[in-house]
Amino acid sequence: MHKPLAVVAIFLTSFAVPSLGHSQSNAATLGVADSRVQSADAPTRDQVMTLFDLLQVRRNMSAMLQNMKQIASQAAEEDFRKRVPNPTPKQLALLHGMFDDVIDMPLDEMVNAMIPIYQRHLTRNDIEEIIRFYSSPAGQKFLSEQPKMLQEAMQAGGDIQRKRMDEINAKLHERMQKLIEATDDTSDPVKP
């Protein structure tokens, strides 16, 4: 059950950590411009918020978190059923309910953390052009389809993760068994 939680934690952390670049002192020492310094032509907070509203950032982040909860909950149930073959409805309800408490991210805080990132990497003109595109019919269609595409992509990713975890666990089990057998025979352990 720890595997789904770890994946969720890593994914959520990628939203919460604003920038992992060099500090100003490290950048100066290396002779590299600090990417965290805003240019004079940086977009205003209002421009970035206009873009976020158009992109429905809060809604998409909320949908992503819900999808992550669902995927993690399903993976946890599969793992739980391996340990408890006939779980009661109450046990399953408690298991699924854990994810509502555990996976809870402050969306406003996450959005506020993203604003300076956009201000560092984009200019006012960039924001205006991006807003113009997403206001167009093609941009609106993309925005309309994006939640469905994201949900399908996350489901596909979850399926791949579950498949890989089974393969990894099988390899580890096989190698551990060989190590145990080699240890029992007091011969040299089998190389991985």
N, C-alpha and C. Protein backbone atom coordinates (compact mmCIF):
# COMPACT_ATOMS: atom_id res chain seq x y z
N MET A 1 0.82 -1.19 0.00
CA MET A 1 0.00 0.00 0.00
C MET A 1 0.86 1.25 0.00
N HIS A 2 2.14 1.14 0.33
CA HIS A 2 3.01 2.30 0.36
C HIS A 2 3.37 2.77 -1.03
N LYS A 3 3.36 1.88 -2.03
CA LYS A 3 3.73 2.26 -3.38
C LYS A 3 2.82 3.34 -3.95
N PRO A 4 1.48 3.21 -3.90
CA PRO A 4 0.64 4.26 -4.45
C PRO A 4 0.83 5.58 -3.72
N LEU A 5 1.01 5.55 -2.42
CA LEU A 5 1.19 6.78 -1.67
C LEU A 5 2.48 7.47 -2.05
N ALA A 6 3.54 6.71 -2.28
CA ALA A 6 4.82 7.30 -2.65
C ALA A 6 4.72 7.98 -4.01
N VAL A 7 4.07 7.35 -4.96
CA VAL A 7 3.91 7.95 -6.29
C VAL A 7 3.10 9.23 -6.19
N VAL A 8 2.04 9.21 -5.43
CA VAL A 8 1.21 10.40 -5.26
C VAL A 8 2.02 11.52 -4.61
N ALA A 9 2.79 11.18 -3.58
CA ALA A 9 3.58 12.19 -2.89
C ALA A 9 4.59 12.84 -3.82
N ILE A 10 5.26 12.05 -4.63
CA ILE A 10 6.23 12.59 -5.59
C ILE A 10 5.53 13.49 -6.59
N PHE A 11 4.38 13.06 -7.11
CA PHE A 11 3.67 13.84 -8.10
C PHE A 11 3.19 15.16 -7.51
N LEU A 12 2.62 15.12 -6.31
CA LEU A 12 2.14 16.34 -5.69
C LEU A 12 3.27 17.29 -5.35
N THR A 13 4.40 16.74 -4.96
CA THR A 13 5.55 17.58 -4.64
C THR A 13 6.01 18.34 -5.87
N SER A 14 5.85 17.75 -7.05
CA SER A 14 6.27 18.46 -8.25
C SER A 14 5.47 19.73 -8.46
N PHE A 15 4.22 19.79 -7.95
CA PHE A 15 3.45 21.02 -8.02
C PHE A 15 3.85 22.00 -6.93
N ALA A 16 4.18 21.45 -5.76
CA ALA A 16 4.39 22.29 -4.60
C ALA A 16 5.76 22.94 -4.56
N VAL A 17 6.77 22.35 -5.19
CA VAL A 17 8.11 22.91 -5.16
C VAL A 17 8.24 23.91 -6.29
N PRO A 18 8.33 25.22 -5.98
CA PRO A 18 8.34 26.23 -7.01
C PRO A 18 9.54 26.17 -7.94
N SER A 19 10.75 26.04 -7.41
CA SER A 19 11.92 26.06 -8.27
C SER A 19 13.07 25.37 -7.56
N LEU A 20 13.75 24.52 -8.27
CA LEU A 20 14.89 23.84 -7.69
C LEU A 20 16.18 24.26 -8.38
N GLY A 21 16.23 25.50 -8.87
CA GLY A 21 17.42 26.02 -9.54
C GLY A 21 18.49 26.39 -8.54
N HIS A 22 19.60 26.94 -9.07
CA HIS A 22 20.69 27.40 -8.21
C HIS A 22 20.26 28.62 -7.42
N SER A 23 20.82 28.78 -6.25
CA SER A 23 20.58 30.01 -5.50
C SER A 23 21.36 31.12 -6.18
N GLN A 24 21.05 32.38 -5.84
CA GLN A 24 21.75 33.49 -6.47
C GLN A 24 23.24 33.41 -6.22
N SER A 25 23.65 33.06 -4.99
CA SER A 25 25.08 33.00 -4.70
C SER A 25 25.74 31.88 -5.50
N ASN A 26 25.11 30.72 -5.62
CA ASN A 26 25.67 29.64 -6.42
C ASN A 26 25.72 30.01 -7.89
N ALA A 27 24.68 30.67 -8.37
CA ALA A 27 24.65 31.07 -9.78
C ALA A 27 25.76 32.07 -10.06
N ALA A 28 25.97 33.03 -9.15
CA ALA A 28 27.02 34.03 -9.35
C ALA A 28 28.39 33.36 -9.34
N THR A 29 28.59 32.41 -8.44
CA THR A 29 29.86 31.70 -8.35
C THR A 29 30.14 30.94 -9.64
N LEU A 30 29.10 30.36 -10.21
CA LEU A 30 29.26 29.59 -11.44
C LEU A 30 29.26 30.46 -12.69
N GLY A 31 28.99 31.75 -12.53
CA GLY A 31 28.93 32.65 -13.67
C GLY A 31 27.68 32.43 -14.52
N VAL A 32 26.62 31.93 -13.90
CA VAL A 32 25.38 31.63 -14.59
C VAL A 32 24.31 32.60 -14.12
N ALA A 33 23.50 33.08 -15.05
CA ALA A 33 22.41 33.98 -14.66
C ALA A 33 21.39 33.20 -13.85
N ASP A 34 20.88 33.79 -12.81
CA ASP A 34 19.88 33.14 -11.96
C ASP A 34 18.53 33.19 -12.65
N SER A 35 17.98 32.02 -12.95
CA SER A 35 16.70 31.95 -13.66
C SER A 35 15.53 32.36 -12.77
N ARG A 36 15.79 32.60 -11.47
CA ARG A 36 14.71 32.98 -10.57
C ARG A 36 14.51 34.49 -10.52
N VAL A 37 15.35 35.26 -11.20
CA VAL A 37 15.22 36.70 -11.21
C VAL A 37 14.27 37.09 -12.34
N GLN A 38 13.28 37.92 -12.01
CA GLN A 38 12.31 38.35 -13.01
C GLN A 38 12.91 39.42 -13.91
N SER A 39 12.54 39.37 -15.17
CA SER A 39 12.98 40.41 -16.10
C SER A 39 12.11 41.65 -15.93
N ALA A 40 12.57 42.75 -16.49
CA ALA A 40 11.80 44.00 -16.41
C ALA A 40 10.49 43.87 -17.18
N ASP A 41 10.46 42.94 -18.13
CA ASP A 41 9.26 42.75 -18.96
C ASP A 41 8.41 41.58 -18.46
N ALA A 42 8.57 41.23 -17.19
CA ALA A 42 7.80 40.11 -16.63
C ALA A 42 6.33 40.47 -16.61
N PRO A 43 5.47 39.48 -16.80
CA PRO A 43 4.03 39.74 -16.73
C PRO A 43 3.62 40.10 -15.30
N THR A 44 2.55 40.84 -15.21
CA THR A 44 2.03 41.19 -13.89
C THR A 44 1.31 39.99 -13.29
N ARG A 45 1.07 40.06 -12.00
CA ARG A 45 0.32 39.01 -11.31
C ARG A 45 -1.07 38.89 -11.94
N ASP A 46 -1.69 40.02 -12.25
CA ASP A 46 -3.03 40.00 -12.86
C ASP A 46 -3.01 39.30 -14.22
N GLN A 47 -1.97 39.53 -15.02
CA GLN A 47 -1.89 38.86 -16.31
C GLN A 47 -1.77 37.34 -16.13
N VAL A 48 -0.93 36.94 -15.20
CA VAL A 48 -0.76 35.51 -14.96
C VAL A 48 -2.07 34.91 -14.45
N MET A 49 -2.75 35.62 -13.55
CA MET A 49 -4.02 35.11 -13.03
C MET A 49 -5.08 35.04 -14.13
N THR A 50 -5.06 36.00 -15.06
CA THR A 50 -5.98 35.94 -16.21
C THR A 50 -5.72 34.67 -17.01
N LEU A 51 -4.45 34.38 -17.23
CA LEU A 51 -4.10 33.15 -17.95
C LEU A 51 -4.54 31.92 -17.17
N PHE A 52 -4.27 31.91 -15.87
CA PHE A 52 -4.67 30.76 -15.04
C PHE A 52 -6.18 30.58 -15.06
N ASP A 53 -6.93 31.68 -15.02
CA ASP A 53 -8.39 31.57 -15.07
C ASP A 53 -8.83 31.00 -16.41
N LEU A 54 -8.23 31.49 -17.49
CA LEU A 54 -8.57 31.00 -18.83
C LEU A 54 -8.23 29.51 -18.95
N LEU A 55 -7.09 29.12 -18.40
CA LEU A 55 -6.66 27.73 -18.46
C LEU A 55 -7.36 26.84 -17.44
N GLN A 56 -8.16 27.47 -16.58
CA GLN A 56 -8.89 26.76 -15.53
C GLN A 56 -7.93 25.92 -14.69
N VAL A 57 -6.84 26.58 -14.28
CA VAL A 57 -5.79 25.91 -13.53
C VAL A 57 -6.32 25.26 -12.27
N ARG A 58 -7.13 25.98 -11.51
CA ARG A 58 -7.65 25.41 -10.25
C ARG A 58 -8.51 24.17 -10.53
N ARG A 59 -9.38 24.27 -11.51
CA ARG A 59 -10.24 23.13 -11.84
C ARG A 59 -9.41 21.93 -12.28
N ASN A 60 -8.40 22.19 -13.13
CA ASN A 60 -7.57 21.10 -13.63
C ASN A 60 -6.73 20.47 -12.53
N MET A 61 -6.20 21.31 -11.64
CA MET A 61 -5.43 20.77 -10.52
C MET A 61 -6.32 19.94 -9.61
N SER A 62 -7.53 20.42 -9.39
CA SER A 62 -8.47 19.69 -8.55
C SER A 62 -8.83 18.35 -9.20
N ALA A 63 -9.07 18.37 -10.51
CA ALA A 63 -9.39 17.13 -11.24
C ALA A 63 -8.21 16.17 -11.20
N MET A 64 -7.01 16.71 -11.34
CA MET A 64 -5.82 15.87 -11.30
C MET A 64 -5.67 15.21 -9.92
N LEU A 65 -5.89 15.98 -8.88
CA LEU A 65 -5.81 15.42 -7.54
C LEU A 65 -6.86 14.33 -7.33
N GLN A 66 -8.07 14.56 -7.83
CA GLN A 66 -9.13 13.55 -7.72
C GLN A 66 -8.75 12.28 -8.46
N ASN A 67 -8.19 12.44 -9.67
CA ASN A 67 -7.76 11.27 -10.43
C ASN A 67 -6.65 10.53 -9.71
N MET A 68 -5.72 11.28 -9.13
CA MET A 68 -4.63 10.65 -8.39
C MET A 68 -5.18 9.88 -7.20
N LYS A 69 -6.15 10.46 -6.50
CA LYS A 69 -6.76 9.76 -5.37
C LYS A 69 -7.40 8.46 -5.84
N GLN A 70 -8.09 8.53 -6.95
CA GLN A 70 -8.78 7.34 -7.46
C GLN A 70 -7.78 6.26 -7.84
N ILE A 71 -6.72 6.63 -8.55
CA ILE A 71 -5.72 5.66 -8.98
C ILE A 71 -5.00 5.06 -7.77
N ALA A 72 -4.63 5.93 -6.83
CA ALA A 72 -3.94 5.44 -5.62
C ALA A 72 -4.86 4.53 -4.81
N SER A 73 -6.14 4.90 -4.73
CA SER A 73 -7.11 4.11 -3.98
C SER A 73 -7.29 2.74 -4.62
N GLN A 74 -7.38 2.71 -5.95
CA GLN A 74 -7.53 1.42 -6.65
C GLN A 74 -6.30 0.54 -6.45
N ALA A 75 -5.11 1.14 -6.55
CA ALA A 75 -3.88 0.37 -6.35
C ALA A 75 -3.79 -0.14 -4.91
N ALA A 76 -4.19 0.69 -3.96
CA ALA A 76 -4.16 0.28 -2.56
C ALA A 76 -5.14 -0.86 -2.32
N GLU A 77 -6.31 -0.79 -2.97
CA GLU A 77 -7.28 -1.87 -2.80
C GLU A 77 -6.74 -3.18 -3.37
N GLU A 78 -6.08 -3.11 -4.53
CA GLU A 78 -5.49 -4.32 -5.10
C GLU A 78 -4.47 -4.92 -4.14
N ASP A 79 -3.62 -4.08 -3.58
CA ASP A 79 -2.61 -4.52 -2.63
C ASP A 79 -3.26 -5.09 -1.36
N PHE A 80 -4.29 -4.40 -0.88
CA PHE A 80 -5.00 -4.84 0.33
C PHE A 80 -5.65 -6.20 0.11
N ARG A 81 -6.26 -6.39 -1.07
CA ARG A 81 -6.91 -7.67 -1.37
C ARG A 81 -5.92 -8.82 -1.45
N LYS A 82 -4.65 -8.52 -1.76
CA LYS A 82 -3.62 -9.57 -1.75
C LYS A 82 -3.35 -10.01 -0.32
N ARG A 83 -3.44 -9.07 0.60
CA ARG A 83 -3.18 -9.38 2.01
C ARG A 83 -4.43 -9.87 2.73
N VAL A 84 -5.59 -9.34 2.33
CA VAL A 84 -6.87 -9.72 2.93
C VAL A 84 -7.79 -10.13 1.78
N PRO A 85 -7.82 -11.42 1.45
CA PRO A 85 -8.55 -11.87 0.26
C PRO A 85 -10.05 -11.53 0.24
N ASN A 86 -10.70 -11.51 1.38
CA ASN A 86 -12.13 -11.22 1.42
C ASN A 86 -12.42 -10.04 2.35
N PRO A 87 -12.04 -8.83 1.92
CA PRO A 87 -12.27 -7.68 2.81
C PRO A 87 -13.75 -7.38 2.95
N THR A 88 -14.11 -6.86 4.11
CA THR A 88 -15.50 -6.47 4.33
C THR A 88 -15.75 -5.12 3.66
N PRO A 89 -17.01 -4.79 3.39
CA PRO A 89 -17.31 -3.47 2.84
C PRO A 89 -16.81 -2.34 3.75
N LYS A 90 -16.86 -2.57 5.05
CA LYS A 90 -16.39 -1.55 5.99
C LYS A 90 -14.89 -1.33 5.85
N GLN A 91 -14.13 -2.43 5.71
CA GLN A 91 -12.68 -2.30 5.53
C GLN A 91 -12.36 -1.54 4.24
N LEU A 92 -13.08 -1.87 3.17
CA LEU A 92 -12.84 -1.18 1.90
C LEU A 92 -13.21 0.29 1.99
N ALA A 93 -14.30 0.59 2.66
CA ALA A 93 -14.70 2.00 2.84
C ALA A 93 -13.64 2.77 3.62
N LEU A 94 -13.11 2.17 4.67
CA LEU A 94 -12.06 2.82 5.45
C LEU A 94 -10.79 3.00 4.62
N LEU A 95 -10.45 2.00 3.83
CA LEU A 95 -9.27 2.07 2.98
C LEU A 95 -9.41 3.22 1.98
N HIS A 96 -10.55 3.28 1.30
CA HIS A 96 -10.75 4.34 0.30
C HIS A 96 -10.85 5.71 0.96
N GLY A 97 -11.41 5.77 2.15
CA GLY A 97 -11.55 7.04 2.86
C GLY A 97 -10.22 7.63 3.29
N MET A 98 -9.21 6.78 3.45
CA MET A 98 -7.88 7.28 3.85
C MET A 98 -7.34 8.29 2.84
N PHE A 99 -7.64 8.11 1.60
CA PHE A 99 -7.05 8.96 0.57
C PHE A 99 -7.64 10.36 0.56
N ASP A 100 -8.86 10.53 1.06
CA ASP A 100 -9.44 11.87 1.16
C ASP A 100 -8.69 12.71 2.18
N ASP A 101 -8.25 12.06 3.27
CA ASP A 101 -7.52 12.79 4.31
C ASP A 101 -6.05 12.98 3.96
N VAL A 102 -5.45 11.98 3.33
CA VAL A 102 -4.02 12.00 3.06
C VAL A 102 -3.68 12.92 1.88
N ILE A 103 -4.42 12.81 0.81
CA ILE A 103 -4.13 13.58 -0.40
C ILE A 103 -5.01 14.82 -0.41
N ASP A 104 -4.52 15.85 0.22
CA ASP A 104 -5.26 17.11 0.30
C ASP A 104 -4.27 18.24 0.12
N MET A 105 -4.30 18.88 -1.03
CA MET A 105 -3.35 19.95 -1.31
C MET A 105 -4.07 21.30 -1.32
N PRO A 106 -3.43 22.33 -0.74
CA PRO A 106 -4.03 23.67 -0.74
C PRO A 106 -3.88 24.32 -2.12
N LEU A 107 -4.95 24.31 -2.90
CA LEU A 107 -4.88 24.80 -4.28
C LEU A 107 -4.47 26.26 -4.36
N ASP A 108 -5.00 27.11 -3.47
CA ASP A 108 -4.62 28.54 -3.52
C ASP A 108 -3.13 28.71 -3.30
N GLU A 109 -2.58 27.97 -2.36
CA GLU A 109 -1.15 28.05 -2.08
C GLU A 109 -0.33 27.57 -3.28
N MET A 110 -0.80 26.52 -3.92
CA MET A 110 -0.11 26.00 -5.09
C MET A 110 -0.15 27.00 -6.24
N VAL A 111 -1.30 27.62 -6.46
CA VAL A 111 -1.43 28.63 -7.52
C VAL A 111 -0.52 29.81 -7.23
N ASN A 112 -0.53 30.28 -5.99
CA ASN A 112 0.33 31.41 -5.63
C ASN A 112 1.81 31.07 -5.81
N ALA A 113 2.19 29.84 -5.58
CA ALA A 113 3.58 29.43 -5.77
C ALA A 113 3.95 29.40 -7.25
N MET A 114 2.97 29.17 -8.12
CA MET A 114 3.23 29.09 -9.55
C MET A 114 3.37 30.46 -10.22
N ILE A 115 2.73 31.48 -9.67
CA ILE A 115 2.73 32.80 -10.30
C ILE A 115 4.15 33.32 -10.55
N PRO A 116 5.02 33.36 -9.54
CA PRO A 116 6.37 33.87 -9.81
C PRO A 116 7.15 33.04 -10.82
N ILE A 117 6.84 31.76 -10.93
CA ILE A 117 7.51 30.92 -11.92
C ILE A 117 7.16 31.41 -13.32
N TYR A 118 5.89 31.66 -13.56
CA TYR A 118 5.46 32.17 -14.86
C TYR A 118 6.06 33.55 -15.11
N GLN A 119 6.14 34.36 -14.07
CA GLN A 119 6.71 35.70 -14.22
C GLN A 119 8.20 35.64 -14.54
N ARG A 120 8.91 34.64 -14.06
CA ARG A 120 10.34 34.51 -14.36
C ARG A 120 10.60 34.00 -15.76
N HIS A 121 9.73 33.15 -16.26
CA HIS A 121 10.00 32.48 -17.53
C HIS A 121 9.29 33.08 -18.74
N LEU A 122 8.28 33.90 -18.51
CA LEU A 122 7.51 34.47 -19.62
C LEU A 122 7.52 35.99 -19.55
N THR A 123 7.34 36.61 -20.71
CA THR A 123 7.24 38.07 -20.77
C THR A 123 5.77 38.45 -20.86
N ARG A 124 5.51 39.74 -20.75
CA ARG A 124 4.13 40.23 -20.91
C ARG A 124 3.60 39.85 -22.29
N ASN A 125 4.45 39.99 -23.31
CA ASN A 125 4.02 39.65 -24.66
C ASN A 125 3.72 38.16 -24.78
N ASP A 126 4.56 37.33 -24.17
CA ASP A 126 4.30 35.88 -24.19
C ASP A 126 2.92 35.57 -23.62
N ILE A 127 2.63 36.15 -22.45
CA ILE A 127 1.34 35.90 -21.79
C ILE A 127 0.19 36.37 -22.68
N GLU A 128 0.34 37.54 -23.29
CA GLU A 128 -0.73 38.06 -24.17
C GLU A 128 -0.98 37.11 -25.34
N GLU A 129 0.09 36.58 -25.94
CA GLU A 129 -0.05 35.66 -27.07
C GLU A 129 -0.67 34.33 -26.62
N ILE A 130 -0.27 33.85 -25.48
CA ILE A 130 -0.84 32.60 -24.95
C ILE A 130 -2.32 32.78 -24.66
N ILE A 131 -2.66 33.91 -24.06
CA ILE A 131 -4.08 34.20 -23.79
C ILE A 131 -4.86 34.28 -25.10
N ARG A 132 -4.25 34.91 -26.11
CA ARG A 132 -4.92 35.02 -27.42
C ARG A 132 -5.19 33.63 -27.99
N PHE A 133 -4.19 32.73 -27.91
CA PHE A 133 -4.39 31.38 -28.44
C PHE A 133 -5.50 30.66 -27.69
N TYR A 134 -5.44 30.66 -26.37
CA TYR A 134 -6.43 29.91 -25.60
C TYR A 134 -7.82 30.52 -25.67
N SER A 135 -7.92 31.73 -26.14
CA SER A 135 -9.22 32.36 -26.37
C SER A 135 -9.77 31.98 -27.74
N SER A 136 -8.93 31.44 -28.62
CA SER A 136 -9.35 31.06 -29.98
C SER A 136 -10.16 29.76 -29.93
N PRO A 137 -10.88 29.43 -31.02
CA PRO A 137 -11.63 28.16 -31.05
C PRO A 137 -10.75 26.93 -30.81
N ALA A 138 -9.56 26.89 -31.42
CA ALA A 138 -8.68 25.74 -31.22
C ALA A 138 -8.22 25.67 -29.76
N GLY A 139 -7.89 26.80 -29.19
CA GLY A 139 -7.47 26.84 -27.79
C GLY A 139 -8.59 26.41 -26.86
N GLN A 140 -9.82 26.86 -27.17
CA GLN A 140 -10.97 26.48 -26.35
C GLN A 140 -11.27 24.98 -26.46
N LYS A 141 -11.10 24.43 -27.67
CA LYS A 141 -11.31 22.98 -27.82
C LYS A 141 -10.28 22.22 -27.01
N PHE A 142 -9.03 22.66 -27.08
CA PHE A 142 -7.98 22.00 -26.31
C PHE A 142 -8.33 22.04 -24.83
N LEU A 143 -8.75 23.20 -24.34
CA LEU A 143 -9.11 23.34 -22.92
C LEU A 143 -10.29 22.44 -22.56
N SER A 144 -11.24 22.32 -23.49
CA SER A 144 -12.41 21.50 -23.24
C SER A 144 -12.05 20.01 -23.16
N GLU A 145 -11.14 19.58 -24.01
CA GLU A 145 -10.76 18.17 -24.07
C GLU A 145 -9.68 17.80 -23.06
N GLN A 146 -8.96 18.79 -22.56
CA GLN A 146 -7.81 18.52 -21.69
C GLN A 146 -8.14 17.67 -20.46
N PRO A 147 -9.22 17.92 -19.72
CA PRO A 147 -9.49 17.07 -18.56
C PRO A 147 -9.68 15.60 -18.93
N LYS A 148 -10.36 15.34 -20.03
CA LYS A 148 -10.56 13.94 -20.46
C LYS A 148 -9.22 13.32 -20.86
N MET A 149 -8.41 14.10 -21.59
CA MET A 149 -7.11 13.59 -22.02
C MET A 149 -6.23 13.32 -20.80
N LEU A 150 -6.27 14.21 -19.83
CA LEU A 150 -5.48 14.04 -18.61
C LEU A 150 -5.92 12.80 -17.85
N GLN A 151 -7.24 12.62 -17.72
CA GLN A 151 -7.76 11.45 -17.01
C GLN A 151 -7.33 10.16 -17.70
N GLU A 152 -7.44 10.13 -19.03
CA GLU A 152 -7.03 8.94 -19.77
C GLU A 152 -5.53 8.70 -19.65
N ALA A 153 -4.74 9.79 -19.70
CA ALA A 153 -3.29 9.66 -19.58
C ALA A 153 -2.90 9.15 -18.19
N MET A 154 -3.57 9.66 -17.17
CA MET A 154 -3.26 9.20 -15.81
C MET A 154 -3.65 7.74 -15.62
N GLN A 155 -4.75 7.34 -16.21
CA GLN A 155 -5.17 5.94 -16.12
C GLN A 155 -4.16 5.05 -16.83
N ALA A 156 -3.71 5.48 -18.02
CA ALA A 156 -2.71 4.72 -18.76
C ALA A 156 -1.42 4.64 -17.96
N GLY A 157 -1.02 5.74 -17.35
CA GLY A 157 0.19 5.76 -16.53
C GLY A 157 0.06 4.85 -15.32
N GLY A 158 -1.12 4.85 -14.70
CA GLY A 158 -1.36 3.96 -13.56
C GLY A 158 -1.28 2.50 -13.96
N ASP A 159 -1.83 2.18 -15.15
CA ASP A 159 -1.77 0.80 -15.64
C ASP A 159 -0.32 0.37 -15.88
N ILE A 160 0.47 1.28 -16.47
CA ILE A 160 1.88 0.98 -16.74
C ILE A 160 2.61 0.79 -15.42
N GLN A 161 2.34 1.67 -14.45
CA GLN A 161 3.00 1.56 -13.15
C GLN A 161 2.67 0.23 -12.49
N ARG A 162 1.40 -0.15 -12.49
CA ARG A 162 1.02 -1.43 -11.86
C ARG A 162 1.71 -2.61 -12.57
N LYS A 163 1.75 -2.57 -13.89
CA LYS A 163 2.39 -3.64 -14.64
C LYS A 163 3.87 -3.70 -14.31
N ARG A 164 4.53 -2.56 -14.29
CA ARG A 164 5.97 -2.53 -13.97
C ARG A 164 6.24 -2.99 -12.55
N MET A 165 5.39 -2.60 -11.62
CA MET A 165 5.62 -3.00 -10.23
C MET A 165 5.54 -4.51 -10.08
N ASP A 166 4.63 -5.15 -10.79
CA ASP A 166 4.54 -6.60 -10.74
C ASP A 166 5.82 -7.24 -11.28
N GLU A 167 6.34 -6.69 -12.40
CA GLU A 167 7.58 -7.21 -12.99
C GLU A 167 8.76 -7.01 -12.05
N ILE A 168 8.86 -5.81 -11.47
CA ILE A 168 9.95 -5.50 -10.55
C ILE A 168 9.88 -6.41 -9.33
N ASN A 169 8.69 -6.55 -8.76
CA ASN A 169 8.53 -7.43 -7.60
C ASN A 169 8.88 -8.87 -7.93
N ALA A 170 8.51 -9.34 -9.12
CA ALA A 170 8.82 -10.71 -9.52
C ALA A 170 10.34 -10.90 -9.64
N LYS A 171 11.03 -9.92 -10.25
CA LYS A 171 12.48 -10.01 -10.38
C LYS A 171 13.15 -10.01 -9.02
N LEU A 172 12.70 -9.12 -8.14
CA LEU A 172 13.28 -9.06 -6.81
C LEU A 172 13.06 -10.36 -6.06
N HIS A 173 11.86 -10.90 -6.16
CA HIS A 173 11.55 -12.17 -5.49
C HIS A 173 12.46 -13.28 -6.02
N GLU A 174 12.63 -13.35 -7.34
CA GLU A 174 13.47 -14.38 -7.95
C GLU A 174 14.92 -14.24 -7.48
N ARG A 175 15.43 -13.02 -7.47
CA ARG A 175 16.82 -12.80 -7.06
C ARG A 175 17.00 -13.08 -5.57
N MET A 176 16.03 -12.71 -4.76
CA MET A 176 16.11 -13.01 -3.33
C MET A 176 16.10 -14.52 -3.10
N GLN A 177 15.28 -15.22 -3.87
CA GLN A 177 15.21 -16.68 -3.74
C GLN A 177 16.55 -17.30 -4.10
N LYS A 178 17.18 -16.81 -5.18
CA LYS A 178 18.49 -17.33 -5.57
C LYS A 178 19.53 -17.04 -4.50
N LEU A 179 19.45 -15.87 -3.90
CA LEU A 179 20.38 -15.51 -2.83
C LEU A 179 20.19 -16.41 -1.63
N ILE A 180 18.94 -16.68 -1.29
CA ILE A 180 18.64 -17.57 -0.16
C ILE A 180 19.16 -18.98 -0.44
N GLU A 181 18.91 -19.46 -1.65
CA GLU A 181 19.38 -20.80 -2.02
C GLU A 181 20.90 -20.87 -2.02
N ALA A 182 21.55 -19.83 -2.51
CA ALA A 182 23.01 -19.80 -2.54
C ALA A 182 23.57 -19.74 -1.13
N THR A 183 22.90 -19.00 -0.26
CA THR A 183 23.33 -18.90 1.13
C THR A 183 23.16 -20.23 1.84
N ASP A 184 22.07 -20.93 1.54
CA ASP A 184 21.82 -22.25 2.15
C ASP A 184 22.87 -23.26 1.70
N ASP A 185 23.36 -23.13 0.49
CA ASP A 185 24.37 -24.04 -0.06
C ASP A 185 25.78 -23.62 0.36
N THR A 186 25.89 -22.50 1.04
CA THR A 186 27.17 -21.90 1.45
C THR A 186 28.11 -21.68 0.29
N SER A 187 27.56 -21.51 -0.87
CA SER A 187 28.38 -21.18 -2.03
C SER A 187 28.31 -19.66 -2.25
N ASP A 188 29.02 -19.18 -3.24
CA ASP A 188 28.99 -17.74 -3.53
C ASP A 188 27.60 -17.34 -3.96
N PRO A 189 27.15 -16.16 -3.48
CA PRO A 189 25.83 -15.68 -3.89
C PRO A 189 25.79 -15.39 -5.39
N VAL A 190 24.65 -15.59 -5.96
CA VAL A 190 24.44 -15.32 -7.38
C VAL A 190 24.46 -13.82 -7.60
N LYS A 191 25.19 -13.40 -8.62
CA LYS A 191 25.23 -11.96 -8.91
C LYS A 191 23.89 -11.52 -9.48
N PRO A 192 23.46 -10.31 -9.12
CA PRO A 192 22.16 -9.83 -9.64
C PRO A 192 22.18 -9.58 -11.10
